[in-house]
């Protein structure tokens, strides 16, 4: 199972320390999503991360940073998908947010993976998701669209990660559950235990 951790949209206490620990242990790809950050704020964030770990980071905005840092890739959303053609030729990871199987089916196969949400009830957005998809239908879609790798997003925890794996998802993108654990524990080493719990649940 491929894990993706999405940053909280605003500053988080000890965020850089948590991110560096996460990337040093190679536990997950980091999706850097800071919609309100200026270009200089994004630079400041990246400059606090050792350059050896920049190739584990995907940015959701300020795509020009690809030219300045050895980043893993870029992620498209409804806010920037008009730029897709501008980056077609770049040999980097490209991913996109989607909210229906029909949307994925109609998108070109140029993306390394496709976020699909909301799979479960969101832990970061109360009242969002929970009954959006039939997992059996998703499994059948994945089986017949092997050229498109799907990543489950929304409400992913150790309690449902096995369902994600059994559906055939390429990976799981986690936001609320991960940062809630970080909020509850001052010991940064609990992050390794968090991923160990996820891995135990799927084996």
C-alpha atoms as a PDB file:
ATOM      1  CA  UNK A   1       0.000   0.000   0.000  1.00  0.00           C
ATOM      2  CA  UNK A   2       1.348   3.417  -0.970  1.00  0.00           C
ATOM      3  CA  UNK A   3       0.742   6.087   1.656  1.00  0.00           C
ATOM      4  CA  UNK A   4       0.335   9.796   0.996  1.00  0.00           C
ATOM      5  CA  UNK A   5       0.180  12.340   3.793  1.00  0.00           C
ATOM      6  CA  UNK A   6      -1.491  15.638   2.953  1.00  0.00           C
ATOM      7  CA  UNK A   7      -0.468  18.674   4.977  1.00  0.00           C
ATOM      8  CA  UNK A   8      -3.067  20.663   6.807  1.00  0.00           C
ATOM      9  CA  UNK A   9      -3.936  23.821   4.864  1.00  0.00           C
ATOM     10  CA  UNK A  10      -2.702  26.092   7.657  1.00  0.00           C
ATOM     11  CA  UNK A  11       0.324  26.021   9.925  1.00  0.00           C
ATOM     12  CA  UNK A  12       0.515  23.076  12.312  1.00  0.00           C
ATOM     13  CA  UNK A  13       2.472  22.985  15.570  1.00  0.00           C
ATOM     14  CA  UNK A  14       5.840  21.269  14.996  1.00  0.00           C
ATOM     15  CA  UNK A  15       4.854  20.689  11.382  1.00  0.00           C
ATOM     16  CA  UNK A  16       8.365  20.888   9.931  1.00  0.00           C
ATOM     17  CA  UNK A  17       9.731  18.525  12.573  1.00  0.00           C
ATOM     18  CA  UNK A  18       6.927  16.044  11.831  1.00  0.00           C
ATOM     19  CA  UNK A  19       7.408  16.313   8.068  1.00  0.00           C
ATOM     20  CA  UNK A  20      11.162  15.827   8.293  1.00  0.00           C
ATOM     21  CA  UNK A  21      10.749  12.771  10.497  1.00  0.00           C
ATOM     22  CA  UNK A  22       8.145  11.344   8.129  1.00  0.00           C
ATOM     23  CA  UNK A  23      10.352  11.829   5.072  1.00  0.00           C
ATOM     24  CA  UNK A  24      13.578  10.713   6.747  1.00  0.00           C
ATOM     25  CA  UNK A  25      11.973   7.349   7.499  1.00  0.00           C
ATOM     26  CA  UNK A  26      10.513   7.190   3.979  1.00  0.00           C
ATOM     27  CA  UNK A  27       7.081   6.414   5.424  1.00  0.00           C
ATOM     28  CA  UNK A  28       5.005   8.264   2.834  1.00  0.00           C
ATOM     29  CA  UNK A  29       4.928  10.758  -0.005  1.00  0.00           C
ATOM     30  CA  UNK A  30       4.085  14.242   1.233  1.00  0.00           C
ATOM     31  CA  UNK A  31       1.459  16.284  -0.600  1.00  0.00           C
ATOM     32  CA  UNK A  32       2.186  19.893   0.263  1.00  0.00           C
ATOM     33  CA  UNK A  33      -1.206  21.593   0.205  1.00  0.00           C
ATOM     34  CA  UNK A  34      -1.110  25.153   1.476  1.00  0.00           C
ATOM     35  CA  UNK A  35      -3.686  27.037  -0.639  1.00  0.00           C
ATOM     36  CA  UNK A  36      -3.125  30.370   1.088  1.00  0.00           C
ATOM     37  CA  UNK A  37       0.673  30.267   1.075  1.00  0.00           C
ATOM     38  CA  UNK A  38       2.467  32.800  -1.077  1.00  0.00           C
ATOM     39  CA  UNK A  39       5.341  31.653  -3.264  1.00  0.00           C
ATOM     40  CA  UNK A  40       7.848  32.883  -0.687  1.00  0.00           C
ATOM     41  CA  UNK A  41       6.035  31.064   2.128  1.00  0.00           C
ATOM     42  CA  UNK A  42       6.219  27.844   0.112  1.00  0.00           C
ATOM     43  CA  UNK A  43       9.925  28.441  -0.448  1.00  0.00           C
ATOM     44  CA  UNK A  44      10.439  28.952   3.290  1.00  0.00           C
ATOM     45  CA  UNK A  45       8.646  25.676   3.994  1.00  0.00           C
ATOM     46  CA  UNK A  46      10.740  23.742   1.467  1.00  0.00           C
ATOM     47  CA  UNK A  47      13.961  25.352   2.650  1.00  0.00           C
ATOM     48  CA  UNK A  48      13.323  23.892   6.103  1.00  0.00           C
ATOM     49  CA  UNK A  49      13.345  20.385   4.590  1.00  0.00           C
ATOM     50  CA  UNK A  50      16.705  18.821   3.642  1.00  0.00           C
ATOM     51  CA  UNK A  51      17.173  18.747  -0.131  1.00  0.00           C
ATOM     52  CA  UNK A  52      17.619  14.959  -0.033  1.00  0.00           C
ATOM     53  CA  UNK A  53      13.918  14.694   0.814  1.00  0.00           C
ATOM     54  CA  UNK A  54      12.539  17.124  -1.761  1.00  0.00           C
ATOM     55  CA  UNK A  55      11.983  14.268  -4.221  1.00  0.00           C
ATOM     56  CA  UNK A  56       9.341  12.867  -1.850  1.00  0.00           C
ATOM     57  CA  UNK A  57       7.166  16.001  -2.044  1.00  0.00           C
ATOM     58  CA  UNK A  58       4.269  16.809  -4.380  1.00  0.00           C
ATOM     59  CA  UNK A  59       2.990  20.406  -4.454  1.00  0.00           C
ATOM     60  CA  UNK A  60      -0.628  21.471  -4.976  1.00  0.00           C
ATOM     61  CA  UNK A  61       0.156  25.034  -6.064  1.00  0.00           C
ATOM     62  CA  UNK A  62       3.021  27.298  -7.132  1.00  0.00           C
ATOM     63  CA  UNK A  63       4.117  24.764  -9.730  1.00  0.00           C
ATOM     64  CA  UNK A  64       7.035  27.013 -10.727  1.00  0.00           C
ATOM     65  CA  UNK A  65       8.839  25.585  -7.685  1.00  0.00           C
ATOM     66  CA  UNK A  66       9.442  22.450  -9.752  1.00  0.00           C
ATOM     67  CA  UNK A  67      12.183  24.437 -11.512  1.00  0.00           C
ATOM     68  CA  UNK A  68      13.825  25.453  -8.242  1.00  0.00           C
ATOM     69  CA  UNK A  69      13.595  22.246  -6.212  1.00  0.00           C
ATOM     70  CA  UNK A  70      13.964  18.586  -7.063  1.00  0.00           C
ATOM     71  CA  UNK A  71      10.343  17.858  -6.208  1.00  0.00           C
ATOM     72  CA  UNK A  72       8.561  14.586  -6.906  1.00  0.00           C
ATOM     73  CA  UNK A  73       5.680  16.173  -8.734  1.00  0.00           C
ATOM     74  CA  UNK A  74       2.558  18.303  -8.939  1.00  0.00           C
ATOM     75  CA  UNK A  75      -1.093  17.731  -8.090  1.00  0.00           C
ATOM     76  CA  UNK A  76      -4.042  19.174  -9.980  1.00  0.00           C
ATOM     77  CA  UNK A  77      -7.394  20.210  -8.531  1.00  0.00           C
ATOM     78  CA  UNK A  78     -10.367  22.093  -9.937  1.00  0.00           C
ATOM     79  CA  UNK A  79      -8.470  25.305  -9.107  1.00  0.00           C
ATOM     80  CA  UNK A  80      -5.511  24.613 -11.381  1.00  0.00           C
ATOM     81  CA  UNK A  81      -6.522  21.872 -13.823  1.00  0.00           C
ATOM     82  CA  UNK A  82      -6.473  24.458 -16.608  1.00  0.00           C
ATOM     83  CA  UNK A  83      -2.674  24.146 -16.378  1.00  0.00           C
ATOM     84  CA  UNK A  84      -2.528  20.423 -17.165  1.00  0.00           C
ATOM     85  CA  UNK A  85      -1.360  20.881 -20.753  1.00  0.00           C
ATOM     86  CA  UNK A  86       1.424  23.218 -19.612  1.00  0.00           C
ATOM     87  CA  UNK A  87       3.136  20.392 -17.717  1.00  0.00           C
ATOM     88  CA  UNK A  88       2.432  17.396 -19.969  1.00  0.00           C
ATOM     89  CA  UNK A  89       6.017  17.099 -21.159  1.00  0.00           C
ATOM     90  CA  UNK A  90       7.672  17.215 -17.750  1.00  0.00           C
ATOM     91  CA  UNK A  91       8.981  13.882 -16.476  1.00  0.00           C
ATOM     92  CA  UNK A  92       7.558  14.250 -12.994  1.00  0.00           C
ATOM     93  CA  UNK A  93       4.729  12.711 -11.015  1.00  0.00           C
ATOM     94  CA  UNK A  94       1.369  14.184 -11.957  1.00  0.00           C
ATOM     95  CA  UNK A  95      -1.802  13.454  -9.990  1.00  0.00           C
ATOM     96  CA  UNK A  96      -5.300  14.874  -9.842  1.00  0.00           C
ATOM     97  CA  UNK A  97      -8.284  15.124  -7.465  1.00  0.00           C
ATOM     98  CA  UNK A  98     -11.552  13.553  -8.610  1.00  0.00           C
ATOM     99  CA  UNK A  99     -14.978  12.964  -7.105  1.00  0.00           C
ATOM    100  CA  UNK A 100     -16.537  10.334  -9.339  1.00  0.00           C
ATOM    101  CA  UNK A 101     -15.608   7.227 -11.286  1.00  0.00           C
ATOM    102  CA  UNK A 102     -17.074   8.849 -14.401  1.00  0.00           C
ATOM    103  CA  UNK A 103     -14.676  11.753 -14.003  1.00  0.00           C
ATOM    104  CA  UNK A 104     -11.715   9.380 -13.803  1.00  0.00           C
ATOM    105  CA  UNK A 105     -12.933   7.437 -16.810  1.00  0.00           C
ATOM    106  CA  UNK A 106     -13.092  10.630 -18.878  1.00  0.00           C
ATOM    107  CA  UNK A 107      -9.671  11.906 -17.838  1.00  0.00           C
ATOM    108  CA  UNK A 108      -6.589  11.000 -19.900  1.00  0.00           C
ATOM    109  CA  UNK A 109      -4.195   8.345 -18.652  1.00  0.00           C
ATOM    110  CA  UNK A 110      -1.371  10.847 -18.191  1.00  0.00           C
ATOM    111  CA  UNK A 111      -1.596  10.900 -14.400  1.00  0.00           C
ATOM    112  CA  UNK A 112       0.460   8.704 -12.105  1.00  0.00           C
ATOM    113  CA  UNK A 113      -2.550   8.404  -9.799  1.00  0.00           C
ATOM    114  CA  UNK A 114      -6.040   9.789  -9.256  1.00  0.00           C
ATOM    115  CA  UNK A 115      -7.386  10.839  -5.858  1.00  0.00           C
ATOM    116  CA  UNK A 116     -10.964   9.631  -5.377  1.00  0.00           C
ATOM    117  CA  UNK A 117     -12.997  11.117  -2.532  1.00  0.00           C
ATOM    118  CA  UNK A 118     -14.857  11.031  -0.244  1.00  0.00           C
ATOM    119  CA  UNK A 119     -14.481   7.297   0.401  1.00  0.00           C
ATOM    120  CA  UNK A 120     -15.343   7.313   4.121  1.00  0.00           C
ATOM    121  CA  UNK A 121     -16.646   9.955   6.532  1.00  0.00           C
ATOM    122  CA  UNK A 122     -14.002  12.650   6.726  1.00  0.00           C
ATOM    123  CA  UNK A 123     -12.102  13.161   9.975  1.00  0.00           C
ATOM    124  CA  UNK A 124     -11.078  16.695   8.976  1.00  0.00           C
ATOM    125  CA  UNK A 125     -14.440  17.861   7.531  1.00  0.00           C
ATOM    126  CA  UNK A 126     -17.331  16.771   9.777  1.00  0.00           C
ATOM    127  CA  UNK A 127     -20.374  15.720   7.754  1.00  0.00           C
ATOM    128  CA  UNK A 128     -18.398  15.162   4.562  1.00  0.00           C
ATOM    129  CA  UNK A 129     -18.524  11.733   2.922  1.00  0.00           C
ATOM    130  CA  UNK A 130     -19.579   8.404   4.333  1.00  0.00           C
ATOM    131  CA  UNK A 131     -22.070   7.125   1.801  1.00  0.00           C
ATOM    132  CA  UNK A 132     -20.716   8.430  -1.500  1.00  0.00           C
ATOM    133  CA  UNK A 133     -19.492   5.161  -2.985  1.00  0.00           C
ATOM    134  CA  UNK A 134     -20.234   1.477  -3.170  1.00  0.00           C
ATOM    135  CA  UNK A 135     -16.875  -0.182  -2.582  1.00  0.00           C
ATOM    136  CA  UNK A 136     -17.789  -3.181  -4.720  1.00  0.00           C
ATOM    137  CA  UNK A 137     -18.440  -0.880  -7.677  1.00  0.00           C
ATOM    138  CA  UNK A 138     -15.080   0.800  -7.098  1.00  0.00           C
ATOM    139  CA  UNK A 139     -13.380  -2.600  -7.014  1.00  0.00           C
ATOM    140  CA  UNK A 140     -14.971  -3.557 -10.333  1.00  0.00           C
ATOM    141  CA  UNK A 141     -13.934  -0.221 -11.851  1.00  0.00           C
ATOM    142  CA  UNK A 142     -10.338  -0.689 -10.707  1.00  0.00           C
ATOM    143  CA  UNK A 143     -10.293  -4.212 -12.152  1.00  0.00           C
ATOM    144  CA  UNK A 144     -11.390  -2.942 -15.557  1.00  0.00           C
ATOM    145  CA  UNK A 145      -9.287   0.241 -15.605  1.00  0.00           C
ATOM    146  CA  UNK A 146      -5.893  -1.090 -14.596  1.00  0.00           C
ATOM    147  CA  UNK A 147      -4.115   1.698 -16.492  1.00  0.00           C
ATOM    148  CA  UNK A 148      -5.447   4.203 -13.964  1.00  0.00           C
ATOM    149  CA  UNK A 149      -4.168   4.007 -10.387  1.00  0.00           C
ATOM    150  CA  UNK A 150      -6.676   5.181  -7.787  1.00  0.00           C
ATOM    151  CA  UNK A 151      -5.834   6.614  -4.376  1.00  0.00           C
ATOM    152  CA  UNK A 152      -8.515   6.581  -1.673  1.00  0.00           C
ATOM    153  CA  UNK A 153      -9.054   9.854   0.161  1.00  0.00           C
ATOM    154  CA  UNK A 154     -11.235  10.913   3.104  1.00  0.00           C
ATOM    155  CA  UNK A 155     -11.667   9.223   6.446  1.00  0.00           C
ATOM    156  CA  UNK A 156      -8.815   6.716   6.048  1.00  0.00           C
ATOM    157  CA  UNK A 157      -7.749   5.100   9.349  1.00  0.00           C
ATOM    158  CA  UNK A 158      -6.290   1.787  10.518  1.00  0.00           C
ATOM    159  CA  UNK A 159      -9.889   0.632  11.015  1.00  0.00           C
ATOM    160  CA  UNK A 160     -10.764   0.771   7.316  1.00  0.00           C
ATOM    161  CA  UNK A 161      -7.391   0.564   5.546  1.00  0.00           C
ATOM    162  CA  UNK A 162      -7.953  -3.151   4.839  1.00  0.00           C
ATOM    163  CA  UNK A 163     -11.147  -2.264   2.930  1.00  0.00           C
ATOM    164  CA  UNK A 164      -9.073   0.167   0.861  1.00  0.00           C
ATOM    165  CA  UNK A 165      -6.505  -2.513   0.074  1.00  0.00           C
ATOM    166  CA  UNK A 166      -9.141  -5.142  -0.733  1.00  0.00           C
ATOM    167  CA  UNK A 167     -10.789  -2.741  -3.197  1.00  0.00           C
ATOM    168  CA  UNK A 168      -7.568  -2.642  -5.174  1.00  0.00           C
ATOM    169  CA  UNK A 169      -6.657   0.969  -4.513  1.00  0.00           C
ATOM    170  CA  UNK A 170      -3.093   1.851  -5.473  1.00  0.00           C
ATOM    171  CA  UNK A 171      -2.744   3.878  -2.299  1.00  0.00           C
ATOM    172  CA  UNK A 172      -4.343   5.821   0.533  1.00  0.00           C
ATOM    173  CA  UNK A 173      -4.144   9.566   1.107  1.00  0.00           C
ATOM    174  CA  UNK A 174      -4.449  10.553   4.746  1.00  0.00           C
ATOM    175  CA  UNK A 175      -5.024  13.946   6.282  1.00  0.00           C
ATOM    176  CA  UNK A 176      -7.230  14.289   9.375  1.00  0.00           C
ATOM    177  CA  UNK A 177      -6.430  11.013  11.116  1.00  0.00           C
ATOM    178  CA  UNK A 178      -2.671  11.508  10.846  1.00  0.00           C
ATOM    179  CA  UNK A 179      -2.640  15.080  12.089  1.00  0.00           C
ATOM    180  CA  UNK A 180      -5.086  14.243  14.897  1.00  0.00           C
ATOM    181  CA  UNK A 181      -2.582  11.652  16.124  1.00  0.00           C
ATOM    182  CA  UNK A 182       0.183  14.254  15.913  1.00  0.00           C
ATOM    183  CA  UNK A 183      -1.962  16.672  17.940  1.00  0.00           C
ATOM    184  CA  UNK A 184      -2.595  14.101  20.640  1.00  0.00           C
ATOM    185  CA  UNK A 185       1.008  12.969  21.051  1.00  0.00           C
ATOM    186  CA  UNK A 186       4.000  15.190  21.762  1.00  0.00           C
ATOM    187  CA  UNK A 187       6.413  12.310  21.072  1.00  0.00           C
ATOM    188  CA  UNK A 188       7.278  12.433  17.377  1.00  0.00           C
ATOM    189  CA  UNK A 189       8.202   8.752  17.381  1.00  0.00           C
ATOM    190  CA  UNK A 190       4.512   7.896  17.576  1.00  0.00           C
ATOM    191  CA  UNK A 191       4.455   8.627  13.829  1.00  0.00           C
ATOM    192  CA  UNK A 192       6.373   5.420  13.137  1.00  0.00           C
ATOM    193  CA  UNK A 193       3.914   3.537  15.340  1.00  0.00           C
ATOM    194  CA  UNK A 194       1.040   5.085  13.387  1.00  0.00           C
ATOM    195  CA  UNK A 195       2.270   3.576  10.122  1.00  0.00           C
ATOM    196  CA  UNK A 196       3.087   0.291  11.824  1.00  0.00           C
ATOM    197  CA  UNK A 197      -0.555   0.119  12.917  1.00  0.00           C
ATOM    198  CA  UNK A 198      -1.701   0.756   9.346  1.00  0.00           C
ATOM    199  CA  UNK A 199       0.596  -1.949   7.984  1.00  0.00           C
ATOM    200  CA  UNK A 200      -0.455  -4.441  10.649  1.00  0.00           C
ATOM    201  CA  UNK A 201      -4.098  -3.907   9.675  1.00  0.00           C
ATOM    202  CA  UNK A 202      -3.495  -4.916   6.054  1.00  0.00           C
ATOM    203  CA  UNK A 203      -1.308  -7.967   6.689  1.00  0.00           C
END
